[in-house]
Amino acid sequence: MNKIENSFLNKDQFGDDFLWGVSTAAFQIEGAHDADGKGSSIWDVFTSQKGKIKNGHHALTACDFYNSYQNDIDLIKELNIPNFRFSISWTRIMPTGTDSVNQAGIDYYNKIINSLLASGIEPWITLYHWDLPYALEKKGGWTNRESVTWFSEYVAICAQHFGDRVKNWMVINEPSVFTGAGYFLGIHAPGKKGITNYLKAMHHVTLATAAGAKIVRNLVPDANIGTTFSCTHIEPATQSAKDVEAAKRVDTLLNRTFIEPILGLGYPQADLPVLKKLNNYILEDDLNNLSFDFDFIGLQCYTREVVKSAMLIPYIGAELISAEKRNVISTDMGWEVYPPALYYVLKKFNEYKNIKKIIITENGAAFPDTLSNGKVYDIKRTHYIQDHLEQILKAKEDGLNVEGYFVWSLTDNFEWAEGYNARFGLIHVDFETQQRTIKHSGLWFKDFLS
């Protein structure tokens, strides 16, 4: 008997109030890139540039969720998943990012929300999942301090139109990833590089997170408001002082830099000196405007990183040792499969005394999936989910704050710079025909939630 049939896991072990869901993002699933008045986002432009996306893939159609949302919502219901996280495309609502509102975009998301509610599925909106309007990027994007105002205007429109039915809101998704990859390394949209771009974007995104949350609180008084952070368990390669200090700097960068100002603790400049350069962009009232008392914090954890000292690496003096070099089991993303990382991350974030509730808002794995005779037997993904749920259960039994788990993702989708090469879905998508096939992992999750 294999582990799937023999797993000791039972939904009831997590408690009646534990939240179960699945997560998606607009740009990765919707397609319909210019339909019904939608404007261009930075990812629309980035993916059109040669050499930016693996194999030249683009998201013009993606999973065609824009046209097939009802079918996918039916599949969510079939899988017994009670909560669905999806993001709003800013350029469907406001094609140029500011000023004019596109009624067709409002209508589209109203249809999704109404369909979810009619199916007994709770909608969870992410207001920003990386797809900044390109018209605003031409004005500097997140490096422009005006981005806080632009975002605030957009959030107000969403809250006014959807807040009567949507109670669960996530403001900004994984700021460390889209600022680091998009404004420092240049490997994600908009493709900018350099420490100045990164620090400006970092500060403005953090200000926008708090500003957006305050707007939702004002316009949707009974809203359940959170925001999400990418987080990774960090370990030093050795116990040498140099490696330990290097790991501390990487941990500060990846796990602390964005959440601590939101919690009212300020930027962790003492442990990562390059952050002192932020003082060039911090105005008088900024420190008071960085924080917000969120109802929950979403954590998104997939792996661990092992770090060694590398003083020639600018700003952090550290280097990540890849899973391949360490000869450990990894996913198609090159990420080590290390379930205890989730427990350690929960333990770390539980040390913050002013987080009310923690929800795992993304966790999942990309593996090579084969559709054979109408089935996808993705045993590795099923084991990955089971093993990480065991770590959550261990955390709960140890008294740690964790009150929900959302799988990434519902369907295979456009995985940013990886294109369609990395499949994360509980549901297989044939991107030529848009045919959906529930994978073995999806069937296991369905049985687990029943």
Protein backbone atom coordinates (compact mmCIF):
# COMPACT_ATOMS: atom_id res chain seq x y z
CA MET A 1 0.00 0.00 0.00
CA ASN A 2 1.53 3.35 -1.00
CA LYS A 3 1.64 6.50 1.07
CA ILE A 4 -1.40 8.09 -0.60
CA GLU A 5 -3.78 5.41 0.59
CA ASN A 6 -1.92 4.97 3.89
CA SER A 7 -1.40 8.64 4.85
CA PHE A 8 -2.25 9.32 8.48
CA LEU A 9 -3.35 12.85 7.61
CA ASN A 10 -6.92 13.80 8.26
CA LYS A 11 -8.47 17.20 7.69
CA ASP A 12 -10.11 17.07 11.11
CA GLN A 13 -6.68 17.05 12.77
CA PHE A 14 -6.26 20.69 11.76
CA GLY A 15 -9.45 21.92 13.41
CA ASP A 16 -12.84 23.04 12.16
CA ASP A 17 -11.72 26.65 11.59
CA PHE A 18 -8.60 25.84 9.56
CA LEU A 19 -8.78 27.39 6.09
CA TRP A 20 -8.22 25.29 2.97
CA GLY A 21 -7.76 26.82 -0.44
CA VAL A 22 -5.95 27.13 -3.73
CA SER A 23 -4.12 30.15 -5.16
CA THR A 24 -3.75 31.67 -8.63
CA ALA A 25 -2.63 34.96 -10.23
CA ALA A 26 -4.30 36.91 -13.04
CA PHE A 27 -1.39 37.21 -15.45
CA GLN A 28 -0.51 33.54 -15.07
CA ILE A 29 -3.96 32.18 -15.95
CA GLU A 30 -6.22 34.72 -17.64
CA GLY A 31 -4.82 35.24 -21.13
CA ALA A 32 -7.08 37.54 -23.17
CA HIS A 33 -4.22 40.01 -22.99
CA ASP A 34 -6.00 42.83 -24.83
CA ALA A 35 -9.64 41.78 -24.54
CA ASP A 36 -12.45 44.16 -23.61
CA GLY A 37 -10.33 47.24 -23.12
CA LYS A 38 -7.51 45.73 -21.04
CA GLY A 39 -4.29 47.77 -21.09
CA SER A 40 -0.74 46.44 -21.27
CA SER A 41 1.10 45.47 -18.11
CA ILE A 42 4.85 45.30 -17.58
CA TRP A 43 4.60 41.54 -18.01
CA ASP A 44 2.79 41.88 -21.34
CA VAL A 45 5.71 43.97 -22.56
CA PHE A 46 8.44 41.89 -20.89
CA THR A 47 7.21 38.62 -22.37
CA SER A 48 7.16 40.14 -25.85
CA GLN A 49 10.91 40.82 -25.68
CA LYS A 50 13.22 38.24 -27.18
CA GLY A 51 15.14 36.07 -24.75
CA LYS A 52 13.29 37.07 -21.59
CA ILE A 53 11.16 33.92 -21.18
CA LYS A 54 12.34 30.34 -21.51
CA ASN A 55 11.60 28.88 -24.96
CA GLY A 56 10.11 32.20 -26.06
CA HIS A 57 6.83 31.48 -24.28
CA HIS A 58 4.26 34.22 -23.74
CA ALA A 59 0.99 34.59 -21.84
CA LEU A 60 -1.25 35.93 -24.58
CA THR A 61 -3.64 33.03 -23.94
CA ALA A 62 -2.14 31.34 -20.85
CA CYS A 63 -4.88 29.08 -19.40
CA ASP A 64 -7.64 31.17 -21.01
CA PHE A 65 -9.23 31.58 -17.59
CA TYR A 66 -10.75 34.82 -18.87
CA ASN A 67 -13.09 32.79 -21.07
CA SER A 68 -13.15 29.48 -19.19
CA TYR A 69 -13.50 30.72 -15.60
CA GLN A 70 -16.85 29.01 -15.11
CA ASN A 71 -15.41 25.63 -16.03
CA ASP A 72 -12.50 26.14 -13.66
CA ILE A 73 -14.78 27.28 -10.84
CA ASP A 74 -16.79 24.10 -11.40
CA LEU A 75 -13.55 22.15 -11.00
CA ILE A 76 -12.75 23.96 -7.75
CA LYS A 77 -16.16 22.92 -6.46
CA GLU A 78 -15.62 19.36 -7.68
CA LEU A 79 -12.35 19.25 -5.73
CA ASN A 80 -14.15 20.32 -2.51
CA ILE A 81 -11.90 23.39 -2.21
CA PRO A 82 -13.77 26.00 -0.13
CA ASN A 83 -11.52 29.05 -0.70
CA PHE A 84 -10.18 30.44 -3.98
CA ARG A 85 -7.43 33.03 -4.11
CA PHE A 86 -7.15 35.03 -7.34
CA SER A 87 -5.68 38.39 -8.26
CA ILE A 88 -7.15 41.40 -9.98
CA SER A 89 -5.43 42.61 -13.14
CA TRP A 90 -4.85 46.32 -12.57
CA THR A 91 -4.95 47.00 -16.32
CA ARG A 92 -8.36 45.36 -16.72
CA ILE A 93 -9.72 47.79 -14.14
CA MET A 94 -7.68 50.86 -15.16
CA PRO A 95 -6.01 50.30 -18.56
CA THR A 96 -3.48 53.12 -18.12
CA GLY A 97 -3.15 52.63 -14.38
CA THR A 98 -4.88 55.85 -13.38
CA ASP A 99 -7.89 57.98 -14.26
CA SER A 100 -10.36 56.08 -16.46
CA VAL A 101 -12.07 52.93 -15.18
CA ASN A 102 -12.86 50.10 -17.60
CA GLN A 103 -16.38 48.87 -16.88
CA ALA A 104 -15.76 45.63 -18.78
CA GLY A 105 -13.02 44.76 -16.32
CA ILE A 106 -15.29 45.49 -13.36
CA ASP A 107 -17.98 43.33 -14.95
CA TYR A 108 -15.55 40.45 -15.51
CA TYR A 109 -14.44 40.24 -11.89
CA ASN A 110 -18.03 40.65 -10.71
CA LYS A 111 -18.91 37.57 -12.74
CA ILE A 112 -16.09 35.59 -11.12
CA ILE A 113 -17.04 36.72 -7.61
CA ASN A 114 -20.72 35.98 -8.15
CA SER A 115 -19.98 32.57 -9.65
CA LEU A 116 -17.73 31.62 -6.74
CA LEU A 117 -20.33 32.66 -4.19
CA ALA A 118 -23.07 30.79 -6.07
CA SER A 119 -20.86 27.69 -5.92
CA GLY A 120 -20.28 28.03 -2.18
CA ILE A 121 -16.63 29.06 -2.65
CA GLU A 122 -15.21 31.99 -0.72
CA PRO A 123 -13.32 34.54 -2.88
CA TRP A 124 -9.94 35.83 -1.68
CA ILE A 125 -8.70 38.78 -3.71
CA THR A 126 -5.05 39.67 -4.20
CA LEU A 127 -4.93 43.29 -5.30
CA TYR A 128 -1.44 43.22 -6.79
CA HIS A 129 0.31 40.15 -8.15
CA TRP A 130 3.15 41.75 -10.14
CA ASP A 131 1.33 43.07 -13.25
CA LEU A 132 1.92 46.83 -12.98
CA PRO A 133 0.36 48.87 -15.81
CA TYR A 134 3.02 49.56 -18.42
CA ALA A 135 1.82 53.16 -18.75
CA LEU A 136 2.92 53.67 -15.14
CA GLU A 137 6.23 51.90 -15.66
CA LYS A 138 7.03 54.48 -18.32
CA LYS A 139 6.76 57.03 -15.49
CA GLY A 140 9.19 55.05 -13.34
CA GLY A 141 6.88 52.36 -12.00
CA TRP A 142 7.58 51.43 -8.40
CA THR A 143 10.74 53.58 -8.40
CA ASN A 144 8.47 56.64 -8.63
CA ARG A 145 7.09 57.79 -5.29
CA GLU A 146 3.81 58.58 -7.06
CA SER A 147 3.28 54.82 -7.30
CA VAL A 148 1.82 54.92 -3.79
CA THR A 149 -0.89 57.30 -5.01
CA TRP A 150 -1.50 55.33 -8.21
CA PHE A 151 -1.92 52.12 -6.25
CA SER A 152 -4.18 53.77 -3.70
CA GLU A 153 -6.53 54.98 -6.44
CA TYR A 154 -6.69 51.49 -7.93
CA VAL A 155 -7.33 49.85 -4.55
CA ALA A 156 -10.18 52.26 -3.85
CA ILE A 157 -11.89 51.31 -7.13
CA CYS A 158 -11.61 47.60 -6.31
CA ALA A 159 -12.89 48.04 -2.75
CA GLN A 160 -15.84 50.14 -3.92
CA HIS A 161 -16.91 47.65 -6.59
CA PHE A 162 -16.21 44.31 -4.92
CA GLY A 163 -16.24 44.99 -1.18
CA ASP A 164 -19.97 44.35 -0.81
CA ARG A 165 -19.36 40.63 -1.47
CA VAL A 166 -15.63 40.02 -0.94
CA LYS A 167 -14.50 39.98 2.68
CA ASN A 168 -10.98 38.52 2.28
CA TRP A 169 -8.27 40.74 0.83
CA MET A 170 -4.53 40.41 0.25
CA VAL A 171 -2.87 43.69 -0.65
CA ILE A 172 0.44 42.86 -2.34
CA ASN A 173 1.99 39.52 -3.25
CA GLU A 174 5.62 38.71 -2.43
CA PRO A 175 7.21 42.17 -2.59
CA SER A 176 10.73 40.83 -2.05
CA VAL A 177 10.46 38.73 -5.22
CA PHE A 178 9.09 41.25 -7.68
CA THR A 179 11.29 44.09 -6.45
CA GLY A 180 14.41 41.92 -6.30
CA ALA A 181 13.90 40.09 -9.60
CA GLY A 182 12.33 43.03 -11.43
CA TYR A 183 14.19 46.06 -10.14
CA PHE A 184 17.59 44.71 -9.01
CA LEU A 185 18.43 41.59 -11.03
CA GLY A 186 16.35 42.47 -14.09
CA ILE A 187 15.26 38.87 -14.71
CA HIS A 188 11.56 39.65 -14.22
CA ALA A 189 9.46 42.52 -15.47
CA PRO A 190 10.15 45.38 -15.87
CA GLY A 191 13.76 44.25 -16.28
CA LYS A 192 15.43 47.05 -14.33
CA LYS A 193 18.74 46.58 -12.53
CA GLY A 194 20.73 48.21 -9.77
CA ILE A 195 20.63 48.93 -6.08
CA THR A 196 19.04 52.38 -6.49
CA ASN A 197 16.07 51.04 -8.45
CA TYR A 198 15.66 48.23 -5.95
CA LEU A 199 15.73 50.38 -2.82
CA LYS A 200 13.32 52.95 -4.23
CA ALA A 201 10.92 50.20 -5.31
CA MET A 202 11.25 48.47 -1.94
CA HIS A 203 10.31 51.57 0.01
CA HIS A 204 7.46 52.64 -2.24
CA VAL A 205 5.96 49.13 -2.34
CA THR A 206 6.06 48.96 1.47
CA LEU A 207 4.36 52.36 1.73
CA ALA A 208 1.78 51.22 -0.83
CA THR A 209 1.07 48.02 1.12
CA ALA A 210 0.10 49.97 4.21
CA ALA A 211 -1.76 52.64 2.22
CA GLY A 212 -3.76 50.04 0.31
CA ALA A 213 -4.69 48.19 3.50
CA LYS A 214 -5.95 51.40 5.11
CA ILE A 215 -8.16 52.12 2.09
CA VAL A 216 -9.73 48.65 2.21
CA ARG A 217 -10.28 49.03 5.96
CA ASN A 218 -12.05 52.36 5.38
CA LEU A 219 -14.22 51.23 2.48
CA VAL A 220 -14.89 47.63 3.63
CA PRO A 221 -15.04 47.94 7.43
CA ASP A 222 -15.68 44.25 8.09
CA ALA A 223 -12.95 43.07 5.70
CA ASN A 224 -10.39 40.42 6.62
CA ILE A 225 -7.21 42.11 5.41
CA GLY A 226 -3.80 40.55 4.89
CA THR A 227 -0.74 40.73 2.68
CA THR A 228 1.68 38.02 1.60
CA PHE A 229 5.41 37.49 1.88
CA SER A 230 7.76 35.04 0.24
CA CYS A 231 9.88 33.41 2.93
CA THR A 232 12.62 30.80 2.89
CA HIS A 233 14.33 28.84 5.62
CA ILE A 234 18.01 29.85 5.58
CA GLU A 235 20.87 27.71 6.87
CA PRO A 236 24.64 28.37 6.84
CA ALA A 237 26.76 25.94 4.83
CA THR A 238 29.01 25.44 7.88
CA GLN A 239 29.06 26.70 11.44
CA SER A 240 32.01 28.96 10.71
CA ALA A 241 31.49 32.53 11.84
CA LYS A 242 31.68 33.80 8.25
CA ASP A 243 28.99 31.44 6.97
CA VAL A 244 26.74 32.06 9.98
CA GLU A 245 26.97 35.83 9.46
CA ALA A 246 26.36 35.43 5.71
CA ALA A 247 23.25 33.36 6.40
CA LYS A 248 22.04 36.05 8.80
CA ARG A 249 22.38 38.70 6.08
CA VAL A 250 20.50 36.59 3.54
CA ASP A 251 17.80 35.82 6.09
CA THR A 252 17.45 39.55 6.76
CA LEU A 253 17.13 40.30 3.06
CA LEU A 254 14.68 37.53 2.17
CA ASN A 255 12.61 37.19 5.34
CA ARG A 256 12.74 40.40 7.35
CA THR A 257 13.18 43.43 5.09
CA PHE A 258 9.54 43.76 4.03
CA ILE A 259 7.57 42.43 6.97
CA GLU A 260 9.32 44.29 9.79
CA PRO A 261 8.42 47.83 8.64
CA ILE A 262 4.84 46.63 8.11
CA LEU A 263 4.83 45.44 11.73
CA GLY A 264 6.06 48.82 12.92
CA LEU A 265 9.63 47.66 13.56
CA GLY A 266 11.30 49.68 10.83
CA TYR A 267 13.79 48.36 8.29
CA PRO A 268 16.39 45.91 9.73
CA GLN A 269 19.31 48.15 8.82
CA ALA A 270 21.60 46.99 11.63
CA ASP A 271 21.73 43.44 10.24
CA LEU A 272 21.95 44.42 6.56
CA PRO A 273 23.91 47.67 6.27
CA VAL A 274 23.03 48.30 2.61
CA LEU A 275 19.51 49.10 3.80
CA LYS A 276 20.88 52.28 5.35
CA LYS A 277 20.84 53.66 1.80
CA LEU A 278 17.04 53.68 2.17
CA ASN A 279 17.44 56.77 4.32
CA ASN A 280 17.97 58.72 1.10
CA TYR A 281 14.33 58.05 0.16
CA ILE A 282 12.57 58.09 3.54
CA LEU A 283 10.62 61.29 4.11
CA GLU A 284 9.54 62.70 7.46
CA ASP A 285 6.21 60.90 7.87
CA ASP A 286 7.18 57.69 6.09
CA LEU A 287 8.09 55.62 9.13
CA ASN A 288 4.65 56.34 10.61
CA ASN A 289 3.01 55.36 7.33
CA LEU A 290 4.82 52.05 6.78
CA SER A 291 2.86 49.97 9.27
CA PHE A 292 -0.65 48.52 9.39
CA ASP A 293 -2.37 46.20 11.85
CA PHE A 294 -3.17 43.34 9.47
CA ASP A 295 -5.79 40.74 10.33
CA PHE A 296 -3.50 38.06 8.92
CA ILE A 297 -0.13 37.61 7.28
CA GLY A 298 0.23 35.25 4.33
CA LEU A 299 3.47 33.28 4.19
CA GLN A 300 4.62 31.55 1.01
CA CYS A 301 7.32 28.97 1.52
CA TYR A 302 8.59 26.34 -0.89
CA THR A 303 12.13 25.38 0.13
CA ARG A 304 15.25 26.18 2.11
CA GLU A 305 18.47 27.85 1.00
CA VAL A 306 21.98 26.97 2.16
CA VAL A 307 24.34 29.96 2.28
CA LYS A 308 28.09 30.42 2.33
CA SER A 309 30.17 33.53 2.80
CA ALA A 310 31.25 35.20 -0.46
CA MET A 311 32.65 38.62 0.27
CA LEU A 312 33.02 39.49 -3.42
CA ILE A 313 29.23 39.38 -3.84
CA PRO A 314 28.12 42.99 -3.44
CA TYR A 315 25.78 44.16 -0.67
CA ILE A 316 25.20 40.79 1.03
CA GLY A 317 28.62 39.10 0.91
CA ALA A 318 26.94 35.73 0.54
CA GLU A 319 26.20 33.07 -2.02
CA LEU A 320 23.45 30.47 -2.24
CA ILE A 321 24.63 26.91 -2.80
CA SER A 322 22.20 25.42 -5.31
CA ALA A 323 20.30 22.20 -4.71
CA GLU A 324 22.09 20.74 -7.72
CA LYS A 325 25.51 21.45 -6.23
CA ARG A 326 24.39 19.93 -2.94
CA ASN A 327 23.09 16.87 -4.80
CA VAL A 328 19.70 16.92 -3.06
CA ILE A 329 16.23 16.13 -4.38
CA SER A 330 14.76 19.15 -6.12
CA THR A 331 11.78 20.28 -8.18
CA ASP A 332 11.67 21.48 -11.77
CA MET A 333 12.41 24.97 -10.43
CA GLY A 334 15.69 23.71 -8.98
CA TRP A 335 14.34 24.14 -5.45
CA GLU A 336 15.28 21.58 -2.83
CA VAL A 337 12.43 19.46 -1.52
CA TYR A 338 12.81 20.05 2.21
CA PRO A 339 9.47 19.97 4.07
CA PRO A 340 10.89 20.98 7.50
CA ALA A 341 11.55 24.41 5.97
CA LEU A 342 7.86 25.16 6.39
CA TYR A 343 7.95 24.32 10.10
CA TYR A 344 11.07 26.42 10.66
CA VAL A 345 9.55 29.38 8.81
CA LEU A 346 6.41 29.18 10.92
CA LYS A 347 8.51 29.00 14.07
CA LYS A 348 10.52 32.04 12.99
CA PHE A 349 7.51 34.21 12.15
CA ASN A 350 5.75 33.20 15.35
CA GLU A 351 8.50 35.11 17.17
CA TYR A 352 6.87 38.34 16.01
CA LYS A 353 4.41 39.14 18.78
CA ASN A 354 2.11 41.39 16.76
CA ILE A 355 1.02 39.02 14.00
CA LYS A 356 -2.61 38.11 14.68
CA LYS A 357 -2.96 35.18 12.31
CA ILE A 358 -0.67 33.33 9.89
CA ILE A 359 -1.95 31.59 6.78
CA ILE A 360 0.21 29.64 4.33
CA THR A 361 -1.06 31.35 1.18
CA GLU A 362 1.19 29.43 -1.24
CA ASN A 363 2.97 26.09 -1.14
CA GLY A 364 3.41 23.57 -3.91
CA ALA A 365 5.85 22.02 -6.35
CA ALA A 366 6.67 21.86 -10.05
CA PHE A 367 7.43 18.40 -11.38
CA PRO A 368 7.43 16.94 -14.90
CA ASP A 369 3.91 15.64 -15.45
CA THR A 370 2.88 13.14 -18.09
CA LEU A 371 -0.69 12.81 -19.35
CA SER A 372 -1.24 9.14 -20.14
CA ASN A 373 -4.58 7.53 -20.94
CA GLY A 374 -6.38 10.57 -19.61
CA LYS A 375 -4.59 10.52 -16.25
CA VAL A 376 -1.67 12.30 -14.58
CA TYR A 377 -0.06 10.24 -11.84
CA ASP A 378 1.98 12.97 -10.09
CA ILE A 379 3.03 11.02 -7.02
CA LYS A 380 5.90 13.42 -6.22
CA ARG A 381 3.54 16.39 -5.92
CA THR A 382 1.11 14.42 -3.79
CA HIS A 383 3.93 13.45 -1.44
CA TYR A 384 5.20 17.04 -1.41
CA ILE A 385 1.80 18.35 -0.28
CA GLN A 386 1.37 15.59 2.30
CA ASP A 387 4.84 16.11 3.74
CA HIS A 388 4.30 19.86 4.07
CA LEU A 389 0.91 19.37 5.69
CA GLU A 390 2.60 17.12 8.23
CA GLN A 391 4.93 20.02 9.06
CA ILE A 392 1.95 22.35 9.52
CA LEU A 393 0.29 19.81 11.78
CA LYS A 394 3.51 19.56 13.79
CA ALA A 395 3.55 23.36 14.09
CA LYS A 396 -0.07 23.42 15.29
CA GLU A 397 0.63 20.69 17.82
CA ASP A 398 3.56 22.76 19.09
CA GLY A 399 1.22 25.69 19.63
CA LEU A 400 2.41 27.78 16.69
CA ASN A 401 0.10 30.25 14.99
CA VAL A 402 -0.97 28.82 11.58
CA GLU A 403 -4.59 28.85 10.51
CA GLY A 404 -4.76 28.01 6.81
CA TYR A 405 -3.12 26.38 3.78
CA PHE A 406 -3.53 27.34 0.13
CA VAL A 407 -1.97 25.13 -2.56
CA TRP A 408 -0.10 26.76 -5.42
CA SER A 409 -1.72 26.25 -7.83
CA LEU A 410 -5.13 25.30 -9.19
CA THR A 411 -3.95 24.69 -12.74
CA ASP A 412 -0.67 24.52 -14.57
CA ASN A 413 -0.03 28.07 -15.75
CA PHE A 414 2.45 30.62 -17.11
CA GLU A 415 5.24 30.47 -14.54
CA TRP A 416 6.87 33.86 -15.20
CA ALA A 417 10.41 33.54 -16.64
CA GLU A 418 10.00 29.74 -16.77
CA GLY A 419 7.08 30.04 -19.21
CA TYR A 420 5.05 26.84 -19.41
CA ASN A 421 7.98 24.62 -18.51
CA ALA A 422 7.24 24.46 -14.78
CA ARG A 423 3.91 22.82 -13.93
CA PHE A 424 2.57 23.50 -10.42
CA GLY A 425 -1.11 22.67 -10.88
CA LEU A 426 -3.44 20.23 -9.19
CA ILE A 427 -5.01 20.24 -12.64
CA HIS A 428 -3.07 19.52 -15.83
CA VAL A 429 -3.54 21.93 -18.73
CA ASP A 430 -2.87 21.06 -22.37
CA PHE A 431 -1.88 24.53 -23.54
CA GLU A 432 -2.67 23.67 -27.17
CA THR A 433 -6.26 22.58 -26.54
CA GLN A 434 -6.90 24.07 -23.06
CA GLN A 435 -8.08 20.61 -21.97
CA ARG A 436 -8.13 20.21 -18.17
CA THR A 437 -7.29 16.93 -16.42
CA ILE A 438 -7.37 16.60 -12.64
CA LYS A 439 -4.06 15.12 -11.53
CA HIS A 440 -3.63 12.44 -8.89
CA SER A 441 -2.58 15.18 -6.44
CA GLY A 442 -5.86 16.98 -7.10
CA LEU A 443 -7.84 13.79 -6.54
CA TRP A 444 -5.95 13.17 -3.29
CA PHE A 445 -6.64 16.74 -2.11
CA LYS A 446 -10.32 16.30 -3.02
CA ASP A 447 -10.55 13.14 -0.90
CA PHE A 448 -8.62 14.80 1.92
CA LEU A 449 -11.07 17.74 1.98
CA SER A 450 -14.21 15.63 1.72
